[in-house]
Amino acid sequence: EGRCTVGTLLQLEHLAATPLGGAVTAETELVEIDRRRLVF
């Protein structure tokens, strides 16, 4: 309680365009924990 996360780095390859009327789904997986640093 009282803790949260803040984003500090984002490496994003935007590979394809999605037009109006479409929908997108983002899926993440926590792959590394280094003390307070979380990598997805």
PDB file of all heavy atoms in Angstrom:
ATOM      1  N   GLU A   1       0.841  -1.191   0.000  1.00  0.00           N
ATOM      2  CA  GLU A   1       0.000   0.000   0.000  1.00  0.00           C
ATOM      3  C   GLU A   1       0.881   1.248   0.000  1.00  0.00           C
ATOM      4  O   GLU A   1       1.889   1.306   0.704  1.00  0.00           O
ATOM      5  CB  GLU A   1      -0.916   0.004   1.220  1.00  0.00           C
ATOM      6  CG  GLU A   1      -1.940   1.103   1.162  1.00  0.00           C
ATOM      7  CD  GLU A   1      -2.983   0.990   2.253  1.00  0.00           C
ATOM      8  OE1 GLU A   1      -3.227  -0.138   2.721  1.00  0.00           O
ATOM      9  OE2 GLU A   1      -3.538   2.031   2.617  1.00  0.00           O
ATOM     10  N   GLY A   2       0.512   2.228  -0.814  1.00  0.00           N
ATOM     11  CA  GLY A   2       1.268   3.471  -0.908  1.00  0.00           C
ATOM     12  C   GLY A   2       2.366   3.444  -1.952  1.00  0.00           C
ATOM     13  O   GLY A   2       3.010   4.453  -2.207  1.00  0.00           O
ATOM     14  N   ARG A   3       2.572   2.300  -2.550  1.00  0.00           N
ATOM     15  CA  ARG A   3       3.593   2.187  -3.600  1.00  0.00           C
ATOM     16  C   ARG A   3       2.919   2.047  -4.961  1.00  0.00           C
ATOM     17  O   ARG A   3       1.794   1.567  -5.066  1.00  0.00           O
ATOM     18  CB  ARG A   3       4.506   0.991  -3.353  1.00  0.00           C
ATOM     19  CG  ARG A   3       5.312   1.147  -2.083  1.00  0.00           C
ATOM     20  CD  ARG A   3       6.504   0.211  -2.056  1.00  0.00           C
ATOM     21  NE  ARG A   3       7.273   0.405  -0.853  1.00  0.00           N
ATOM     22  CZ  ARG A   3       8.319   1.225  -0.758  1.00  0.00           C
ATOM     23  NH1 ARG A   3       8.713   1.909  -1.789  1.00  0.00           N
ATOM     24  NH2 ARG A   3       8.976   1.347   0.384  1.00  0.00           N
ATOM     25  N   CYS A   4       3.645   2.489  -5.974  1.00  0.00           N
ATOM     26  CA  CYS A   4       3.179   2.356  -7.353  1.00  0.00           C
ATOM     27  C   CYS A   4       4.411   2.279  -8.241  1.00  0.00           C
ATOM     28  O   CYS A   4       5.533   2.258  -7.743  1.00  0.00           O
ATOM     29  CB  CYS A   4       2.284   3.541  -7.750  1.00  0.00           C
ATOM     30  SG  CYS A   4       3.134   5.124  -7.753  1.00  0.00           S
ATOM     31  N   THR A   5       4.210   2.221  -9.543  1.00  0.00           N
ATOM     32  CA  THR A   5       5.346   2.216 -10.454  1.00  0.00           C
ATOM     33  C   THR A   5       5.269   3.427 -11.365  1.00  0.00           C
ATOM     34  O   THR A   5       4.189   3.941 -11.650  1.00  0.00           O
ATOM     35  CB  THR A   5       5.396   0.934 -11.319  1.00  0.00           C
ATOM     36  OG1 THR A   5       4.223   0.859 -12.131  1.00  0.00           O
ATOM     37  CG2 THR A   5       5.516  -0.315 -10.461  1.00  0.00           C
ATOM     38  N   VAL A   6       6.436   3.857 -11.814  1.00  0.00           N
ATOM     39  CA  VAL A   6       6.529   4.946 -12.785  1.00  0.00           C
ATOM     40  C   VAL A   6       7.388   4.474 -13.951  1.00  0.00           C
ATOM     41  O   VAL A   6       8.368   3.753 -13.763  1.00  0.00           O
ATOM     42  CB  VAL A   6       7.117   6.237 -12.162  1.00  0.00           C
ATOM     43  CG1 VAL A   6       6.186   6.811 -11.109  1.00  0.00           C
ATOM     44  CG2 VAL A   6       8.501   6.006 -11.582  1.00  0.00           C
ATOM     45  N   GLY A   7       6.993   4.872 -15.148  1.00  0.00           N
ATOM     46  CA  GLY A   7       7.744   4.501 -16.338  1.00  0.00           C
ATOM     47  C   GLY A   7       9.023   5.306 -16.442  1.00  0.00           C
ATOM     48  O   GLY A   7       9.032   6.509 -16.183  1.00  0.00           O
ATOM     49  N   THR A   8      10.121   4.628 -16.814  1.00  0.00           N
ATOM     50  CA  THR A   8      11.410   5.303 -16.941  1.00  0.00           C
ATOM     51  C   THR A   8      12.081   5.059 -18.288  1.00  0.00           C
ATOM     52  O   THR A   8      12.973   5.805 -18.667  1.00  0.00           O
ATOM     53  CB  THR A   8      12.374   4.851 -15.830  1.00  0.00           C
ATOM     54  OG1 THR A   8      12.516   3.429 -15.882  1.00  0.00           O
ATOM     55  CG2 THR A   8      11.867   5.275 -14.460  1.00  0.00           C
ATOM     56  N   LEU A   9      11.674   4.028 -19.001  1.00  0.00           N
ATOM     57  CA  LEU A   9      12.294   3.728 -20.296  1.00  0.00           C
ATOM     58  C   LEU A   9      11.286   2.980 -21.154  1.00  0.00           C
ATOM     59  O   LEU A   9      10.583   2.085 -20.654  1.00  0.00           O
ATOM     60  CB  LEU A   9      13.541   2.854 -20.102  1.00  0.00           C
ATOM     61  CG  LEU A   9      14.260   2.402 -21.368  1.00  0.00           C
ATOM     62  CD1 LEU A   9      14.935   3.588 -22.057  1.00  0.00           C
ATOM     63  CD2 LEU A   9      15.284   1.333 -21.044  1.00  0.00           C
ATOM     64  N   LEU A  10      11.236   3.346 -22.415  1.00  0.00           N
ATOM     65  CA  LEU A  10      10.371   2.633 -23.358  1.00  0.00           C
ATOM     66  C   LEU A  10      11.103   2.524 -24.684  1.00  0.00           C
ATOM     67  O   LEU A  10      11.446   3.534 -25.292  1.00  0.00           O
ATOM     68  CB  LEU A  10       9.040   3.379 -23.543  1.00  0.00           C
ATOM     69  CG  LEU A  10       8.026   2.702 -24.441  1.00  0.00           C
ATOM     70  CD1 LEU A  10       7.531   1.391 -23.829  1.00  0.00           C
ATOM     71  CD2 LEU A  10       6.854   3.618 -24.703  1.00  0.00           C
ATOM     72  N   GLN A  11      11.384   1.292 -25.094  1.00  0.00           N
ATOM     73  CA  GLN A  11      11.970   1.018 -26.402  1.00  0.00           C
ATOM     74  C   GLN A  11      10.868   0.375 -27.224  1.00  0.00           C
ATOM     75  O   GLN A  11      10.452  -0.748 -26.936  1.00  0.00           O
ATOM     76  CB  GLN A  11      13.161   0.085 -26.276  1.00  0.00           C
ATOM     77  CG  GLN A  11      14.294   0.694 -25.476  1.00  0.00           C
ATOM     78  CD  GLN A  11      15.393  -0.304 -25.187  1.00  0.00           C
ATOM     79  OE1 GLN A  11      15.129  -1.455 -24.855  1.00  0.00           O
ATOM     80  NE2 GLN A  11      16.621   0.140 -25.310  1.00  0.00           N
ATOM     81  N   LEU A  12      10.372   1.105 -28.214  1.00  0.00           N
ATOM     82  CA  LEU A  12       9.183   0.696 -28.943  1.00  0.00           C
ATOM     83  C   LEU A  12       9.456   0.699 -30.440  1.00  0.00           C
ATOM     84  O   LEU A  12       9.895   1.705 -30.986  1.00  0.00           O
ATOM     85  CB  LEU A  12       8.044   1.673 -28.615  1.00  0.00           C
ATOM     86  CG  LEU A  12       6.670   1.380 -29.170  1.00  0.00           C
ATOM     87  CD1 LEU A  12       5.615   1.903 -28.222  1.00  0.00           C
ATOM     88  CD2 LEU A  12       6.468   2.010 -30.533  1.00  0.00           C
ATOM     89  N   GLU A  13       9.224  -0.436 -31.078  1.00  0.00           N
ATOM     90  CA  GLU A  13       9.241  -0.510 -32.538  1.00  0.00           C
ATOM     91  C   GLU A  13       7.790  -0.515 -33.000  1.00  0.00           C
ATOM     92  O   GLU A  13       7.060  -1.464 -32.718  1.00  0.00           O
ATOM     93  CB  GLU A  13       9.897  -1.810 -33.011  1.00  0.00           C
ATOM     94  CG  GLU A  13      11.377  -1.896 -32.792  1.00  0.00           C
ATOM     95  CD  GLU A  13      11.898  -3.213 -33.339  1.00  0.00           C
ATOM     96  OE1 GLU A  13      12.136  -3.310 -34.559  1.00  0.00           O
ATOM     97  OE2 GLU A  13      12.010  -4.157 -32.528  1.00  0.00           O
ATOM     98  N   HIS A  14       7.379   0.547 -33.675  1.00  0.00           N
ATOM     99  CA  HIS A  14       6.012   0.625 -34.206  1.00  0.00           C
ATOM    100  C   HIS A  14       6.089   0.111 -35.633  1.00  0.00           C
ATOM    101  O   HIS A  14       6.550   0.798 -36.532  1.00  0.00           O
ATOM    102  CB  HIS A  14       5.510   2.064 -34.136  1.00  0.00           C
ATOM    103  CG  HIS A  14       4.031   2.182 -34.252  1.00  0.00           C
ATOM    104  ND1 HIS A  14       3.362   3.346 -33.949  1.00  0.00           N
ATOM    105  CD2 HIS A  14       3.065   1.297 -34.639  1.00  0.00           C
ATOM    106  CE1 HIS A  14       2.064   3.187 -34.144  1.00  0.00           C
ATOM    107  NE2 HIS A  14       1.873   1.946 -34.560  1.00  0.00           N
ATOM    108  N   LEU A  15       5.591  -1.102 -35.856  1.00  0.00           N
ATOM    109  CA  LEU A  15       5.827  -1.842 -37.090  1.00  0.00           C
ATOM    110  C   LEU A  15       4.729  -1.724 -38.133  1.00  0.00           C
ATOM    111  O   LEU A  15       4.978  -1.947 -39.321  1.00  0.00           O
ATOM    112  CB  LEU A  15       6.010  -3.332 -36.754  1.00  0.00           C
ATOM    113  CG  LEU A  15       7.086  -3.625 -35.712  1.00  0.00           C
ATOM    114  CD1 LEU A  15       6.956  -5.059 -35.218  1.00  0.00           C
ATOM    115  CD2 LEU A  15       8.454  -3.355 -36.293  1.00  0.00           C
ATOM    116  N   ALA A  16       3.510  -1.426 -37.719  1.00  0.00           N
ATOM    117  CA  ALA A  16       2.385  -1.398 -38.658  1.00  0.00           C
ATOM    118  C   ALA A  16       1.340  -0.397 -38.189  1.00  0.00           C
ATOM    119  O   ALA A  16       1.189  -0.160 -36.989  1.00  0.00           O
ATOM    120  CB  ALA A  16       1.756  -2.789 -38.785  1.00  0.00           C
ATOM    121  N   ALA A  17       0.617   0.165 -39.140  1.00  0.00           N
ATOM    122  CA  ALA A  17      -0.430   1.145 -38.835  1.00  0.00           C
ATOM    123  C   ALA A  17      -1.764   0.451 -38.617  1.00  0.00           C
ATOM    124  O   ALA A  17      -2.106  -0.491 -39.331  1.00  0.00           O
ATOM    125  CB  ALA A  17      -0.551   2.146 -39.971  1.00  0.00           C
ATOM    126  N   THR A  18      -2.516   0.943 -37.632  1.00  0.00           N
ATOM    127  CA  THR A  18      -3.865   0.449 -37.380  1.00  0.00           C
ATOM    128  C   THR A  18      -4.831   1.598 -37.674  1.00  0.00           C
ATOM    129  O   THR A  18      -4.713   2.676 -37.100  1.00  0.00           O
ATOM    130  CB  THR A  18      -4.026  -0.015 -35.918  1.00  0.00           C
ATOM    131  OG1 THR A  18      -3.024  -1.010 -35.641  1.00  0.00           O
ATOM    132  CG2 THR A  18      -5.399  -0.614 -35.683  1.00  0.00           C
ATOM    133  N   PRO A  19      -5.806   1.365 -38.581  1.00  0.00           N
ATOM    134  CA  PRO A  19      -6.704   2.443 -38.997  1.00  0.00           C
ATOM    135  C   PRO A  19      -7.835   2.699 -37.999  1.00  0.00           C
ATOM    136  O   PRO A  19      -8.082   1.896 -37.090  1.00  0.00           O
ATOM    137  CB  PRO A  19      -7.275   1.914 -40.315  1.00  0.00           C
ATOM    138  CG  PRO A  19      -7.301   0.432 -40.121  1.00  0.00           C
ATOM    139  CD  PRO A  19      -6.059   0.130 -39.311  1.00  0.00           C
ATOM    140  N   LEU A  20      -8.505   3.825 -38.194  1.00  0.00           N
ATOM    141  CA  LEU A  20      -9.715   4.133 -37.428  1.00  0.00           C
ATOM    142  C   LEU A  20     -10.672   2.952 -37.481  1.00  0.00           C
ATOM    143  O   LEU A  20     -10.802   2.303 -38.523  1.00  0.00           O
ATOM    144  CB  LEU A  20     -10.425   5.348 -38.027  1.00  0.00           C
ATOM    145  CG  LEU A  20      -9.913   6.716 -37.604  1.00  0.00           C
ATOM    146  CD1 LEU A  20     -10.544   7.787 -38.467  1.00  0.00           C
ATOM    147  CD2 LEU A  20     -10.200   6.956 -36.145  1.00  0.00           C
ATOM    148  N   GLY A  21     -11.325   2.686 -36.367  1.00  0.00           N
ATOM    149  CA  GLY A  21     -12.276   1.580 -36.309  1.00  0.00           C
ATOM    150  C   GLY A  21     -11.646   0.270 -35.890  1.00  0.00           C
ATOM    151  O   GLY A  21     -12.350  -0.655 -35.506  1.00  0.00           O
ATOM    152  N   GLY A  22     -10.319   0.181 -35.956  1.00  0.00           N
ATOM    153  CA  GLY A  22      -9.637  -1.026 -35.511  1.00  0.00           C
ATOM    154  C   GLY A  22      -9.491  -1.030 -33.995  1.00  0.00           C
ATOM    155  O   GLY A  22      -9.968  -0.133 -33.303  1.00  0.00           O
ATOM    156  N   ALA A  23      -8.830  -2.024 -33.508  1.00  0.00           N
ATOM    157  CA  ALA A  23      -8.542  -2.115 -32.068  1.00  0.00           C
ATOM    158  C   ALA A  23      -7.178  -2.760 -31.903  1.00  0.00           C
ATOM    159  O   ALA A  23      -6.740  -3.533 -32.757  1.00  0.00           O
ATOM    160  CB  ALA A  23      -9.603  -2.943 -31.354  1.00  0.00           C
ATOM    161  N   VAL A  24      -6.509  -2.417 -30.817  1.00  0.00           N
ATOM    162  CA  VAL A  24      -5.205  -3.000 -30.523  1.00  0.00           C
ATOM    163  C   VAL A  24      -5.193  -3.562 -29.103  1.00  0.00           C
ATOM    164  O   VAL A  24      -5.894  -3.070 -28.228  1.00  0.00           O
ATOM    165  CB  VAL A  24      -4.055  -1.981 -30.691  1.00  0.00           C
ATOM    166  CG1 VAL A  24      -3.821  -1.659 -32.151  1.00  0.00           C
ATOM    167  CG2 VAL A  24      -4.305  -0.721 -29.902  1.00  0.00           C
ATOM    168  N   THR A  25      -4.375  -4.583 -28.926  1.00  0.00           N
ATOM    169  CA  THR A  25      -4.193  -5.210 -27.623  1.00  0.00           C
ATOM    170  C   THR A  25      -2.713  -5.223 -27.287  1.00  0.00           C
ATOM    171  O   THR A  25      -1.905  -5.747 -28.065  1.00  0.00           O
ATOM    172  CB  THR A  25      -4.723  -6.660 -27.634  1.00  0.00           C
ATOM    173  OG1 THR A  25      -6.098  -6.644 -27.993  1.00  0.00           O
ATOM    174  CG2 THR A  25      -4.548  -7.326 -26.283  1.00  0.00           C
ATOM    175  N   ALA A  26      -2.367  -4.642 -26.158  1.00  0.00           N
ATOM    176  CA  ALA A  26      -0.993  -4.682 -25.657  1.00  0.00           C
ATOM    177  C   ALA A  26      -0.887  -5.790 -24.628  1.00  0.00           C
ATOM    178  O   ALA A  26      -1.737  -5.901 -23.745  1.00  0.00           O
ATOM    179  CB  ALA A  26      -0.617  -3.349 -25.023  1.00  0.00           C
ATOM    180  N   GLU A  27       0.145  -6.606 -24.752  1.00  0.00           N
ATOM    181  CA  GLU A  27       0.404  -7.669 -23.789  1.00  0.00           C
ATOM    182  C   GLU A  27       1.822  -7.502 -23.269  1.00  0.00           C
ATOM    183  O   GLU A  27       2.760  -7.356 -24.051  1.00  0.00           O
ATOM    184  CB  GLU A  27       0.213  -9.038 -24.426  1.00  0.00           C
ATOM    185  CG  GLU A  27      -1.241  -9.263 -24.826  1.00  0.00           C
ATOM    186  CD  GLU A  27      -1.505 -10.645 -25.396  1.00  0.00           C
ATOM    187  OE1 GLU A  27      -0.552 -11.287 -25.885  1.00  0.00           O
ATOM    188  OE2 GLU A  27      -2.668 -11.064 -25.336  1.00  0.00           O
ATOM    189  N   THR A  28       1.956  -7.492 -21.944  1.00  0.00           N
ATOM    190  CA  THR A  28       3.257  -7.328 -21.310  1.00  0.00           C
ATOM    191  C   THR A  28       3.584  -8.553 -20.477  1.00  0.00           C
ATOM    192  O   THR A  28       2.699  -9.268 -20.017  1.00  0.00           O
ATOM    193  CB  THR A  28       3.268  -6.080 -20.396  1.00  0.00           C
ATOM    194  OG1 THR A  28       2.297  -6.245 -19.368  1.00  0.00           O
ATOM    195  CG2 THR A  28       2.992  -4.815 -21.180  1.00  0.00           C
ATOM    196  N   GLU A  29       4.880  -8.759 -20.279  1.00  0.00           N
ATOM    197  CA  GLU A  29       5.346  -9.794 -19.363  1.00  0.00           C
ATOM    198  C   GLU A  29       6.512  -9.243 -18.565  1.00  0.00           C
ATOM    199  O   GLU A  29       7.467  -8.700 -19.146  1.00  0.00           O
ATOM    200  CB  GLU A  29       5.796 -11.052 -20.111  1.00  0.00           C
ATOM    201  CG  GLU A  29       6.280 -12.132 -19.158  1.00  0.00           C
ATOM    202  CD  GLU A  29       6.751 -13.403 -19.847  1.00  0.00           C
ATOM    203  OE1 GLU A  29       6.698 -13.475 -21.083  1.00  0.00           O
ATOM    204  OE2 GLU A  29       7.184 -14.319 -19.121  1.00  0.00           O
ATOM    205  N   LEU A  30       6.436  -9.364 -17.251  1.00  0.00           N
ATOM    206  CA  LEU A  30       7.527  -8.951 -16.383  1.00  0.00           C
ATOM    207  C   LEU A  30       8.651  -9.977 -16.532  1.00  0.00           C
ATOM    208  O   LEU A  30       8.479 -11.142 -16.176  1.00  0.00           O
ATOM    209  CB  LEU A  30       7.050  -8.861 -14.933  1.00  0.00           C
ATOM    210  CG  LEU A  30       8.055  -8.407 -13.891  1.00  0.00           C
ATOM    211  CD1 LEU A  30       8.646  -7.043 -14.219  1.00  0.00           C
ATOM    212  CD2 LEU A  30       7.399  -8.396 -12.514  1.00  0.00           C
ATOM    213  N   VAL A  31       9.779  -9.546 -17.104  1.00  0.00           N
ATOM    214  CA  VAL A  31      10.858 -10.485 -17.404  1.00  0.00           C
ATOM    215  C   VAL A  31      12.085 -10.323 -16.517  1.00  0.00           C
ATOM    216  O   VAL A  31      12.954 -11.201 -16.501  1.00  0.00           O
ATOM    217  CB  VAL A  31      11.280 -10.400 -18.893  1.00  0.00           C
ATOM    218  CG1 VAL A  31      10.146 -10.857 -19.795  1.00  0.00           C
ATOM    219  CG2 VAL A  31      11.754  -9.005 -19.275  1.00  0.00           C
ATOM    220  N   GLU A  32      12.160  -9.208 -15.782  1.00  0.00           N
ATOM    221  CA  GLU A  32      13.325  -8.998 -14.922  1.00  0.00           C
ATOM    222  C   GLU A  32      12.941  -8.097 -13.754  1.00  0.00           C
ATOM    223  O   GLU A  32      12.202  -7.131 -13.924  1.00  0.00           O
ATOM    224  CB  GLU A  32      14.452  -8.344 -15.722  1.00  0.00           C
ATOM    225  CG  GLU A  32      15.730  -8.108 -14.960  1.00  0.00           C
ATOM    226  CD  GLU A  32      16.782  -7.389 -15.802  1.00  0.00           C
ATOM    227  OE1 GLU A  32      16.717  -7.407 -17.042  1.00  0.00           O
ATOM    228  OE2 GLU A  32      17.680  -6.787 -15.174  1.00  0.00           O
ATOM    229  N   ILE A  33      13.469  -8.439 -12.588  1.00  0.00           N
ATOM    230  CA  ILE A  33      13.302  -7.611 -11.398  1.00  0.00           C
ATOM    231  C   ILE A  33      14.690  -7.371 -10.816  1.00  0.00           C
ATOM    232  O   ILE A  33      15.414  -8.312 -10.509  1.00  0.00           O
ATOM    233  CB  ILE A  33      12.412  -8.304 -10.334  1.00  0.00           C
ATOM    234  CG1 ILE A  33      11.041  -8.631 -10.913  1.00  0.00           C
ATOM    235  CG2 ILE A  33      12.286  -7.434  -9.087  1.00  0.00           C
ATOM    236  CD1 ILE A  33      10.196  -9.542 -10.028  1.00  0.00           C
ATOM    237  N   ASP A  34      15.057  -6.090 -10.713  1.00  0.00           N
ATOM    238  CA  ASP A  34      16.343  -5.711 -10.139  1.00  0.00           C
ATOM    239  C   ASP A  34      16.065  -4.669  -9.067  1.00  0.00           C
ATOM    240  O   ASP A  34      15.941  -3.478  -9.356  1.00  0.00           O
ATOM    241  CB  ASP A  34      17.260  -5.145 -11.223  1.00  0.00           C
ATOM    242  CG  ASP A  34      18.620  -4.730 -10.698  1.00  0.00           C
ATOM    243  OD1 ASP A  34      18.959  -5.084  -9.536  1.00  0.00           O
ATOM    244  OD2 ASP A  34      19.348  -4.043 -11.434  1.00  0.00           O
ATOM    245  N   ARG A  35      15.876  -5.132  -7.837  1.00  0.00           N
ATOM    246  CA  ARG A  35      15.456  -4.297  -6.705  1.00  0.00           C
ATOM    247  C   ARG A  35      14.150  -3.585  -7.057  1.00  0.00           C
ATOM    248  O   ARG A  35      13.119  -4.223  -7.150  1.00  0.00           O
ATOM    249  CB  ARG A  35      16.567  -3.340  -6.291  1.00  0.00           C
ATOM    250  CG  ARG A  35      17.791  -4.067  -5.733  1.00  0.00           C
ATOM    251  CD  ARG A  35      18.877  -3.108  -5.401  1.00  0.00           C
ATOM    252  NE  ARG A  35      19.393  -2.479  -6.602  1.00  0.00           N
ATOM    253  CZ  ARG A  35      20.611  -2.649  -7.077  1.00  0.00           C
ATOM    254  NH1 ARG A  35      21.446  -3.409  -6.436  1.00  0.00           N
ATOM    255  NH2 ARG A  35      21.006  -2.065  -8.168  1.00  0.00           N
ATOM    256  N   ARG A  36      14.186  -2.274  -7.280  1.00  0.00           N
ATOM    257  CA  ARG A  36      12.957  -1.533  -7.581  1.00  0.00           C
ATOM    258  C   ARG A  36      12.705  -1.400  -9.085  1.00  0.00           C
ATOM    259  O   ARG A  36      11.663  -0.918  -9.492  1.00  0.00           O
ATOM    260  CB  ARG A  36      13.020  -0.129  -6.961  1.00  0.00           C
ATOM    261  CG  ARG A  36      13.076  -0.147  -5.442  1.00  0.00           C
ATOM    262  CD  ARG A  36      13.013   1.245  -4.810  1.00  0.00           C
ATOM    263  NE  ARG A  36      13.974   2.175  -5.357  1.00  0.00           N
ATOM    264  CZ  ARG A  36      13.658   3.347  -5.930  1.00  0.00           C
ATOM    265  NH1 ARG A  36      12.418   3.745  -6.008  1.00  0.00           N
ATOM    266  NH2 ARG A  36      14.611   4.139  -6.395  1.00  0.00           N
ATOM    267  N   ARG A  37      13.653  -1.823  -9.909  1.00  0.00           N
ATOM    268  CA  ARG A  37      13.523  -1.719 -11.368  1.00  0.00           C
ATOM    269  C   ARG A  37      12.834  -2.961 -11.922  1.00  0.00           C
ATOM    270  O   ARG A  37      13.245  -4.081 -11.658  1.00  0.00           O
ATOM    271  CB  ARG A  37      14.890  -1.554 -12.023  1.00  0.00           C
ATOM    272  CG  ARG A  37      14.814  -1.344 -13.534  1.00  0.00           C
ATOM    273  CD  ARG A  37      16.200  -1.079 -14.105  1.00  0.00           C
ATOM    274  NE  ARG A  37      17.030  -2.261 -14.005  1.00  0.00           N
ATOM    275  CZ  ARG A  37      17.236  -3.125 -15.004  1.00  0.00           C
ATOM    276  NH1 ARG A  37      16.695  -2.936 -16.186  1.00  0.00           N
ATOM    277  NH2 ARG A  37      17.992  -4.180 -14.806  1.00  0.00           N
ATOM    278  N   LEU A  38      11.776  -2.729 -12.686  1.00  0.00           N
ATOM    279  CA  LEU A  38      11.013  -3.815 -13.311  1.00  0.00           C
ATOM    280  C   LEU A  38      11.157  -3.696 -14.821  1.00  0.00           C
ATOM    281  O   LEU A  38      10.978  -2.603 -15.383  1.00  0.00           O
ATOM    282  CB  LEU A  38       9.536  -3.716 -12.933  1.00  0.00           C
ATOM    283  CG  LEU A  38       9.210  -3.572 -11.448  1.00  0.00           C
ATOM    284  CD1 LEU A  38       7.703  -3.446 -11.258  1.00  0.00           C
ATOM    285  CD2 LEU A  38       9.772  -4.739 -10.657  1.00  0.00           C
ATOM    286  N   VAL A  39      11.437  -4.804 -15.492  1.00  0.00           N
ATOM    287  CA  VAL A  39      11.604  -4.805 -16.935  1.00  0.00           C
ATOM    288  C   VAL A  39      10.526  -5.690 -17.554  1.00  0.00           C
ATOM    289  O   VAL A  39      10.356  -6.846 -17.158  1.00  0.00           O
ATOM    290  CB  VAL A  39      13.003  -5.319 -17.349  1.00  0.00           C
ATOM    291  CG1 VAL A  39      13.159  -5.297 -18.868  1.00  0.00           C
ATOM    292  CG2 VAL A  39      14.102  -4.505 -16.675  1.00  0.00           C
ATOM    293  N   PHE A  40       9.828  -5.125 -18.530  1.00  0.00           N
ATOM    294  CA  PHE A  40       8.754  -5.821 -19.230  1.00  0.00           C
ATOM    295  C   PHE A  40       9.105  -5.985 -20.700  1.00  0.00           C
ATOM    296  O   PHE A  40       9.635  -5.056 -21.317  1.00  0.00           O
ATOM    297  CB  PHE A  40       7.453  -5.009 -19.168  1.00  0.00           C
ATOM    298  CG  PHE A  40       6.918  -4.780 -17.786  1.00  0.00           C
ATOM    299  CD1 PHE A  40       7.396  -3.737 -17.015  1.00  0.00           C
ATOM    300  CD2 PHE A  40       5.933  -5.605 -17.265  1.00  0.00           C
ATOM    301  CE1 PHE A  40       6.898  -3.507 -15.743  1.00  0.00           C
ATOM    302  CE2 PHE A  40       5.434  -5.384 -15.992  1.00  0.00           C
ATOM    303  CZ  PHE A  40       5.919  -4.337 -15.226  1.00  0.00           C
TER     304      PHE A  40
END
